[in-house]
């Protein structure tokens, strides 16, 4: 990433490491997938095949097991992105554009659209609302 900022990368890595540490204490496949997604978001859109390989299962087995838990891989990617986006917006340390790149979005506009779809608010509206009610 040409515009990579090592400080921003470190912030996300620390949060991802914390999530991984928390999730390693459980046996849930969903939690393990979420932790891996968190760790690799900064590299762009998480790859289901890579995540499956990291868990020593085939992509089809991963898909089937997640389906048995009532969730899809893409739903976990979106859920993880939303949770991390809300976390960073509430901390008010990074701009929305910086958060977008940390969460693996190619463009801030893609992040803004996704965030509005998830919450009904733009990142700026969410940040403003949370700072007035937090």
N, C-alpha and C. Protein backbone atom coordinates (compact mmCIF):
# COMPACT_ATOMS: atom_id res chain seq x y z
N UNK A 1 0.86 -1.17 0.00
CA UNK A 1 0.00 0.00 0.00
C UNK A 1 0.90 1.23 0.00
N UNK A 2 0.82 2.02 -1.04
CA UNK A 2 1.69 3.18 -1.18
C UNK A 2 1.51 4.20 -0.07
N UNK A 3 0.30 4.34 0.43
CA UNK A 3 0.01 5.35 1.43
C UNK A 3 0.05 4.78 2.84
N UNK A 4 0.67 3.63 2.99
CA UNK A 4 0.69 2.97 4.30
C UNK A 4 1.37 3.83 5.34
N UNK A 5 0.81 3.83 6.51
CA UNK A 5 1.35 4.56 7.64
C UNK A 5 1.66 3.53 8.70
N UNK A 6 2.93 3.40 9.06
CA UNK A 6 3.33 2.34 9.97
C UNK A 6 2.64 2.46 11.33
N UNK A 7 2.39 3.68 11.79
CA UNK A 7 1.71 3.87 13.07
C UNK A 7 0.28 3.34 12.99
N UNK A 8 -0.41 3.65 11.91
CA UNK A 8 -1.78 3.17 11.74
C UNK A 8 -1.82 1.66 11.63
N UNK A 9 -0.86 1.10 10.91
CA UNK A 9 -0.80 -0.34 10.77
C UNK A 9 -0.60 -0.99 12.14
N UNK A 10 0.25 -0.40 12.96
CA UNK A 10 0.52 -0.94 14.28
C UNK A 10 -0.72 -0.90 15.17
N UNK A 11 -1.52 0.16 15.06
CA UNK A 11 -2.75 0.26 15.85
C UNK A 11 -3.68 -0.90 15.53
N UNK A 12 -3.86 -1.17 14.24
CA UNK A 12 -4.75 -2.26 13.85
C UNK A 12 -4.16 -3.61 14.23
N UNK A 13 -2.87 -3.77 14.05
CA UNK A 13 -2.22 -5.03 14.42
C UNK A 13 -2.38 -5.31 15.91
N UNK A 14 -2.20 -4.29 16.75
CA UNK A 14 -2.37 -4.47 18.19
C UNK A 14 -3.79 -4.90 18.53
N UNK A 15 -4.77 -4.25 17.92
CA UNK A 15 -6.17 -4.61 18.15
C UNK A 15 -6.43 -6.03 17.67
N UNK A 16 -5.92 -6.37 16.50
CA UNK A 16 -6.11 -7.71 15.96
C UNK A 16 -5.44 -8.75 16.85
N UNK A 17 -4.24 -8.45 17.32
CA UNK A 17 -3.55 -9.39 18.22
C UNK A 17 -4.34 -9.60 19.49
N UNK A 18 -4.93 -8.53 20.01
CA UNK A 18 -5.74 -8.63 21.22
C UNK A 18 -6.96 -9.52 20.96
N UNK A 19 -7.59 -9.32 19.81
CA UNK A 19 -8.75 -10.16 19.46
C UNK A 19 -8.33 -11.61 19.30
N UNK A 20 -7.19 -11.83 18.67
CA UNK A 20 -6.71 -13.20 18.46
C UNK A 20 -6.45 -13.86 19.81
N UNK A 21 -5.80 -13.14 20.71
CA UNK A 21 -5.52 -13.68 22.04
C UNK A 21 -6.82 -14.07 22.75
N UNK A 22 -7.81 -13.19 22.67
CA UNK A 22 -9.10 -13.48 23.28
C UNK A 22 -9.76 -14.71 22.64
N UNK A 23 -9.70 -14.77 21.31
CA UNK A 23 -10.38 -15.84 20.59
C UNK A 23 -9.65 -17.17 20.70
N UNK A 24 -8.35 -17.15 20.93
CA UNK A 24 -7.61 -18.40 21.06
C UNK A 24 -8.02 -19.18 22.30
N UNK A 25 -8.72 -18.55 23.21
CA UNK A 25 -9.15 -19.22 24.42
C UNK A 25 -10.46 -19.98 24.19
N UNK A 26 -10.99 -19.93 23.02
CA UNK A 26 -12.24 -20.60 22.71
C UNK A 26 -12.03 -21.54 21.53
N UNK A 27 -12.91 -22.50 21.37
CA UNK A 27 -12.78 -23.48 20.30
C UNK A 27 -13.68 -23.17 19.11
N UNK A 28 -14.42 -22.08 19.17
CA UNK A 28 -15.38 -21.77 18.12
C UNK A 28 -14.68 -21.46 16.80
N UNK A 29 -15.10 -22.15 15.75
CA UNK A 29 -14.55 -21.88 14.42
C UNK A 29 -14.88 -20.45 14.01
N UNK A 30 -16.08 -20.03 14.31
CA UNK A 30 -16.49 -18.66 13.98
C UNK A 30 -15.53 -17.65 14.60
N UNK A 31 -15.18 -17.85 15.87
CA UNK A 31 -14.26 -16.93 16.54
C UNK A 31 -12.87 -16.97 15.93
N UNK A 32 -12.41 -18.15 15.57
CA UNK A 32 -11.09 -18.27 14.94
C UNK A 32 -11.06 -17.57 13.58
N UNK A 33 -12.12 -17.75 12.81
CA UNK A 33 -12.20 -17.09 11.50
C UNK A 33 -12.23 -15.57 11.67
N UNK A 34 -13.02 -15.11 12.63
CA UNK A 34 -13.11 -13.68 12.89
C UNK A 34 -11.75 -13.10 13.28
N UNK A 35 -11.02 -13.82 14.11
CA UNK A 35 -9.70 -13.36 14.53
C UNK A 35 -8.74 -13.28 13.33
N UNK A 36 -8.78 -14.27 12.47
CA UNK A 36 -7.91 -14.26 11.29
C UNK A 36 -8.30 -13.14 10.33
N UNK A 37 -9.59 -12.93 10.17
CA UNK A 37 -10.06 -11.83 9.32
C UNK A 37 -9.53 -10.51 9.88
N UNK A 38 -9.67 -10.31 11.18
CA UNK A 38 -9.20 -9.07 11.82
C UNK A 38 -7.72 -8.84 11.55
N UNK A 39 -6.97 -9.89 11.65
CA UNK A 39 -5.52 -9.81 11.49
C UNK A 39 -5.12 -9.42 10.07
N UNK A 40 -5.91 -9.86 9.10
CA UNK A 40 -5.51 -9.70 7.70
C UNK A 40 -6.28 -8.63 6.93
N UNK A 41 -7.17 -7.90 7.58
CA UNK A 41 -7.94 -6.87 6.88
C UNK A 41 -7.04 -5.81 6.25
N UNK A 42 -5.99 -5.44 6.94
CA UNK A 42 -5.13 -4.38 6.44
C UNK A 42 -4.50 -4.74 5.09
N UNK A 43 -4.46 -6.04 4.78
CA UNK A 43 -3.90 -6.49 3.52
C UNK A 43 -4.92 -6.41 2.38
N UNK A 44 -6.14 -6.00 2.68
CA UNK A 44 -7.19 -5.92 1.67
C UNK A 44 -8.31 -6.88 1.99
N UNK A 45 -9.14 -7.14 1.01
CA UNK A 45 -10.28 -8.04 1.18
C UNK A 45 -9.76 -9.43 1.59
N UNK A 46 -10.20 -9.93 2.75
CA UNK A 46 -9.72 -11.24 3.20
C UNK A 46 -10.10 -12.34 2.21
N UNK A 47 -9.19 -13.27 2.02
CA UNK A 47 -9.38 -14.37 1.08
C UNK A 47 -9.82 -15.62 1.83
N UNK A 48 -10.96 -16.15 1.45
CA UNK A 48 -11.52 -17.33 2.12
C UNK A 48 -10.55 -18.51 2.02
N UNK A 49 -9.90 -18.68 0.89
CA UNK A 49 -8.96 -19.79 0.72
C UNK A 49 -7.78 -19.66 1.67
N UNK A 50 -7.26 -18.45 1.82
CA UNK A 50 -6.14 -18.22 2.74
C UNK A 50 -6.55 -18.51 4.18
N UNK A 51 -7.73 -18.03 4.57
CA UNK A 51 -8.22 -18.26 5.93
C UNK A 51 -8.41 -19.76 6.16
N UNK A 52 -8.98 -20.45 5.20
CA UNK A 52 -9.18 -21.90 5.32
C UNK A 52 -7.84 -22.60 5.48
N UNK A 53 -6.87 -22.23 4.66
CA UNK A 53 -5.54 -22.84 4.74
C UNK A 53 -4.92 -22.59 6.12
N UNK A 54 -5.11 -21.40 6.66
CA UNK A 54 -4.58 -21.06 7.98
C UNK A 54 -5.18 -21.94 9.07
N UNK A 55 -6.40 -22.43 8.83
CA UNK A 55 -7.09 -23.29 9.79
C UNK A 55 -6.95 -24.78 9.45
N UNK A 56 -6.16 -25.06 8.41
CA UNK A 56 -5.91 -26.44 7.97
C UNK A 56 -7.19 -27.16 7.54
N UNK A 57 -8.05 -26.42 6.84
CA UNK A 57 -9.25 -27.02 6.25
C UNK A 57 -9.35 -26.52 4.81
N UNK A 58 -10.15 -27.20 4.01
CA UNK A 58 -10.37 -26.75 2.64
C UNK A 58 -11.36 -25.58 2.65
N UNK A 59 -11.32 -24.75 1.61
CA UNK A 59 -12.30 -23.65 1.53
C UNK A 59 -13.74 -24.16 1.58
N UNK A 60 -14.01 -25.30 0.95
CA UNK A 60 -15.36 -25.86 0.95
C UNK A 60 -15.76 -26.31 2.36
N UNK A 61 -14.81 -26.93 3.09
CA UNK A 61 -15.11 -27.35 4.46
C UNK A 61 -15.37 -26.15 5.34
N UNK A 62 -14.57 -25.11 5.17
CA UNK A 62 -14.79 -23.88 5.94
C UNK A 62 -16.18 -23.32 5.65
N UNK A 63 -16.52 -23.24 4.39
CA UNK A 63 -17.84 -22.72 3.99
C UNK A 63 -18.96 -23.56 4.61
N UNK A 64 -18.81 -24.88 4.56
CA UNK A 64 -19.84 -25.77 5.09
C UNK A 64 -19.97 -25.63 6.61
N UNK A 65 -18.84 -25.58 7.31
CA UNK A 65 -18.88 -25.47 8.77
C UNK A 65 -19.46 -24.13 9.21
N UNK A 66 -19.11 -23.06 8.50
CA UNK A 66 -19.70 -21.76 8.83
C UNK A 66 -21.20 -21.76 8.54
N UNK A 67 -21.57 -22.39 7.45
CA UNK A 67 -22.99 -22.50 7.11
C UNK A 67 -23.75 -23.28 8.19
N UNK A 68 -23.11 -24.32 8.72
CA UNK A 68 -23.72 -25.08 9.81
C UNK A 68 -23.94 -24.20 11.04
N UNK A 69 -23.09 -23.18 11.21
CA UNK A 69 -23.23 -22.22 12.32
C UNK A 69 -24.16 -21.07 11.96
N UNK A 70 -24.72 -21.11 10.74
CA UNK A 70 -25.68 -20.10 10.33
C UNK A 70 -25.07 -18.79 9.87
N UNK A 71 -23.83 -18.82 9.39
CA UNK A 71 -23.16 -17.60 8.96
C UNK A 71 -22.32 -17.89 7.72
N UNK A 72 -22.12 -16.88 6.90
CA UNK A 72 -21.24 -17.02 5.74
C UNK A 72 -19.91 -16.32 6.01
N UNK A 73 -18.92 -16.67 5.21
CA UNK A 73 -17.61 -16.02 5.35
C UNK A 73 -17.75 -14.52 5.13
N UNK A 74 -18.48 -14.11 4.09
CA UNK A 74 -18.62 -12.68 3.81
C UNK A 74 -19.35 -11.96 4.93
N UNK A 75 -20.32 -12.62 5.55
CA UNK A 75 -21.01 -11.99 6.69
C UNK A 75 -20.04 -11.76 7.84
N UNK A 76 -19.11 -12.69 8.06
CA UNK A 76 -18.11 -12.51 9.12
C UNK A 76 -17.15 -11.37 8.77
N UNK A 77 -16.79 -11.26 7.50
CA UNK A 77 -15.93 -10.14 7.07
C UNK A 77 -16.64 -8.83 7.36
N UNK A 78 -17.89 -8.72 6.97
CA UNK A 78 -18.65 -7.49 7.18
C UNK A 78 -18.84 -7.19 8.67
N UNK A 79 -19.17 -8.21 9.45
CA UNK A 79 -19.36 -8.04 10.89
C UNK A 79 -18.07 -7.57 11.56
N UNK A 80 -16.96 -8.17 11.17
CA UNK A 80 -15.67 -7.81 11.74
C UNK A 80 -15.30 -6.38 11.36
N UNK A 81 -15.50 -6.04 10.09
CA UNK A 81 -15.21 -4.68 9.65
C UNK A 81 -16.07 -3.67 10.41
N UNK A 82 -17.35 -3.98 10.57
CA UNK A 82 -18.23 -3.05 11.27
C UNK A 82 -17.79 -2.86 12.71
N UNK A 83 -17.48 -3.94 13.39
CA UNK A 83 -17.06 -3.84 14.79
C UNK A 83 -15.78 -3.02 14.92
N UNK A 84 -14.81 -3.28 14.05
CA UNK A 84 -13.56 -2.53 14.10
C UNK A 84 -13.77 -1.07 13.71
N UNK A 85 -14.64 -0.83 12.74
CA UNK A 85 -14.93 0.54 12.33
C UNK A 85 -15.54 1.32 13.50
N UNK A 86 -16.52 0.73 14.17
CA UNK A 86 -17.15 1.39 15.31
C UNK A 86 -16.13 1.62 16.43
N UNK A 87 -15.28 0.65 16.66
CA UNK A 87 -14.23 0.79 17.69
C UNK A 87 -13.34 2.00 17.37
N UNK A 88 -12.85 2.07 16.14
CA UNK A 88 -11.96 3.17 15.77
C UNK A 88 -12.68 4.52 15.72
N UNK A 89 -13.92 4.54 15.26
CA UNK A 89 -14.67 5.79 15.23
C UNK A 89 -14.93 6.29 16.65
N UNK A 90 -15.21 5.40 17.57
CA UNK A 90 -15.45 5.80 18.96
C UNK A 90 -14.19 6.31 19.63
N UNK A 91 -13.03 5.81 19.24
CA UNK A 91 -11.77 6.26 19.83
C UNK A 91 -11.38 7.65 19.33
N UNK A 92 -11.87 8.00 18.14
CA UNK A 92 -11.67 9.34 17.59
C UNK A 92 -10.19 9.69 17.39
N UNK A 93 -9.36 8.70 17.10
CA UNK A 93 -7.93 8.94 16.89
C UNK A 93 -7.54 8.93 15.41
N UNK A 94 -8.36 8.32 14.57
CA UNK A 94 -8.05 8.17 13.16
C UNK A 94 -9.15 8.81 12.32
N UNK A 95 -8.78 9.28 11.15
CA UNK A 95 -9.79 9.82 10.24
C UNK A 95 -10.57 8.66 9.63
N UNK A 96 -11.70 8.96 9.07
CA UNK A 96 -12.51 7.92 8.41
C UNK A 96 -11.74 7.29 7.26
N UNK A 97 -10.98 8.09 6.53
CA UNK A 97 -10.20 7.56 5.41
C UNK A 97 -9.13 6.59 5.91
N UNK A 98 -8.48 6.92 7.02
CA UNK A 98 -7.47 6.03 7.59
C UNK A 98 -8.11 4.72 8.05
N UNK A 99 -9.28 4.81 8.66
CA UNK A 99 -9.99 3.62 9.10
C UNK A 99 -10.35 2.75 7.89
N UNK A 100 -10.79 3.40 6.82
CA UNK A 100 -11.15 2.66 5.61
C UNK A 100 -9.98 1.82 5.11
N UNK A 101 -8.81 2.41 5.05
CA UNK A 101 -7.64 1.67 4.58
C UNK A 101 -7.23 0.57 5.56
N UNK A 102 -7.34 0.84 6.85
CA UNK A 102 -7.00 -0.18 7.85
C UNK A 102 -7.93 -1.39 7.77
N UNK A 103 -9.15 -1.15 7.34
CA UNK A 103 -10.14 -2.23 7.25
C UNK A 103 -10.14 -2.91 5.89
N UNK A 104 -9.16 -2.56 5.06
CA UNK A 104 -8.99 -3.25 3.79
C UNK A 104 -9.85 -2.76 2.65
N UNK A 105 -10.44 -1.59 2.78
CA UNK A 105 -11.22 -1.02 1.68
C UNK A 105 -10.28 -0.34 0.70
N UNK A 106 -10.49 -0.56 -0.58
CA UNK A 106 -9.63 0.04 -1.60
C UNK A 106 -9.79 1.56 -1.66
N UNK A 107 -10.99 2.03 -1.38
CA UNK A 107 -11.28 3.46 -1.42
C UNK A 107 -12.14 3.85 -0.23
N UNK A 108 -11.94 5.05 0.32
CA UNK A 108 -12.79 5.50 1.42
C UNK A 108 -14.28 5.49 1.06
N UNK A 109 -14.60 5.79 -0.19
CA UNK A 109 -16.02 5.82 -0.59
C UNK A 109 -16.66 4.44 -0.42
N UNK A 110 -15.90 3.38 -0.66
CA UNK A 110 -16.43 2.02 -0.45
C UNK A 110 -16.74 1.80 1.03
N UNK A 111 -15.85 2.28 1.89
CA UNK A 111 -16.07 2.18 3.34
C UNK A 111 -17.31 2.97 3.74
N UNK A 112 -17.44 4.20 3.26
CA UNK A 112 -18.58 5.04 3.64
C UNK A 112 -19.89 4.36 3.26
N UNK A 113 -19.95 3.80 2.03
CA UNK A 113 -21.18 3.12 1.59
C UNK A 113 -21.47 1.90 2.46
N UNK A 114 -20.44 1.11 2.73
CA UNK A 114 -20.64 -0.10 3.55
C UNK A 114 -21.08 0.28 4.96
N UNK A 115 -20.43 1.29 5.55
CA UNK A 115 -20.77 1.69 6.91
C UNK A 115 -22.20 2.19 6.99
N UNK A 116 -22.62 2.96 5.99
CA UNK A 116 -24.00 3.47 5.98
C UNK A 116 -24.99 2.30 5.84
N UNK A 117 -24.63 1.31 5.06
CA UNK A 117 -25.49 0.13 4.91
C UNK A 117 -25.59 -0.62 6.25
N UNK A 118 -24.49 -0.73 6.98
CA UNK A 118 -24.48 -1.45 8.25
C UNK A 118 -25.25 -0.72 9.33
N UNK A 119 -25.07 0.60 9.42
CA UNK A 119 -25.57 1.35 10.58
C UNK A 119 -26.67 2.35 10.26
N UNK A 120 -26.85 2.68 8.99
CA UNK A 120 -27.81 3.72 8.62
C UNK A 120 -27.23 5.12 8.75
N UNK A 121 -25.95 5.21 9.13
CA UNK A 121 -25.28 6.50 9.30
C UNK A 121 -23.96 6.49 8.55
N UNK A 122 -23.50 7.67 8.15
CA UNK A 122 -22.16 7.77 7.60
C UNK A 122 -21.18 7.67 8.76
N UNK A 123 -19.91 7.39 8.49
CA UNK A 123 -18.94 7.36 9.59
C UNK A 123 -18.91 8.68 10.37
N UNK A 124 -19.01 9.81 9.68
CA UNK A 124 -19.01 11.11 10.35
C UNK A 124 -20.23 11.29 11.25
N UNK A 125 -21.39 10.88 10.77
CA UNK A 125 -22.61 10.97 11.58
C UNK A 125 -22.50 10.05 12.80
N UNK A 126 -21.97 8.86 12.59
CA UNK A 126 -21.80 7.92 13.71
C UNK A 126 -20.86 8.50 14.76
N UNK A 127 -19.74 9.03 14.31
CA UNK A 127 -18.75 9.61 15.24
C UNK A 127 -19.36 10.78 16.00
N UNK A 128 -20.07 11.64 15.30
CA UNK A 128 -20.70 12.80 15.94
C UNK A 128 -21.73 12.34 16.97
N UNK A 129 -22.56 11.38 16.59
CA UNK A 129 -23.60 10.88 17.50
C UNK A 129 -22.97 10.23 18.73
N UNK A 130 -21.94 9.41 18.51
CA UNK A 130 -21.33 8.71 19.65
C UNK A 130 -20.58 9.68 20.58
N UNK A 131 -20.01 10.73 20.02
CA UNK A 131 -19.29 11.69 20.88
C UNK A 131 -20.28 12.54 21.69
N UNK A 132 -21.49 12.72 21.20
CA UNK A 132 -22.50 13.48 21.93
C UNK A 132 -23.28 12.63 22.92
N UNK A 133 -23.20 11.30 22.77
CA UNK A 133 -23.97 10.41 23.64
C UNK A 133 -23.09 9.43 24.40
N UNK A 134 -21.79 9.63 24.38
CA UNK A 134 -20.89 8.66 25.02
C UNK A 134 -20.32 9.19 26.23
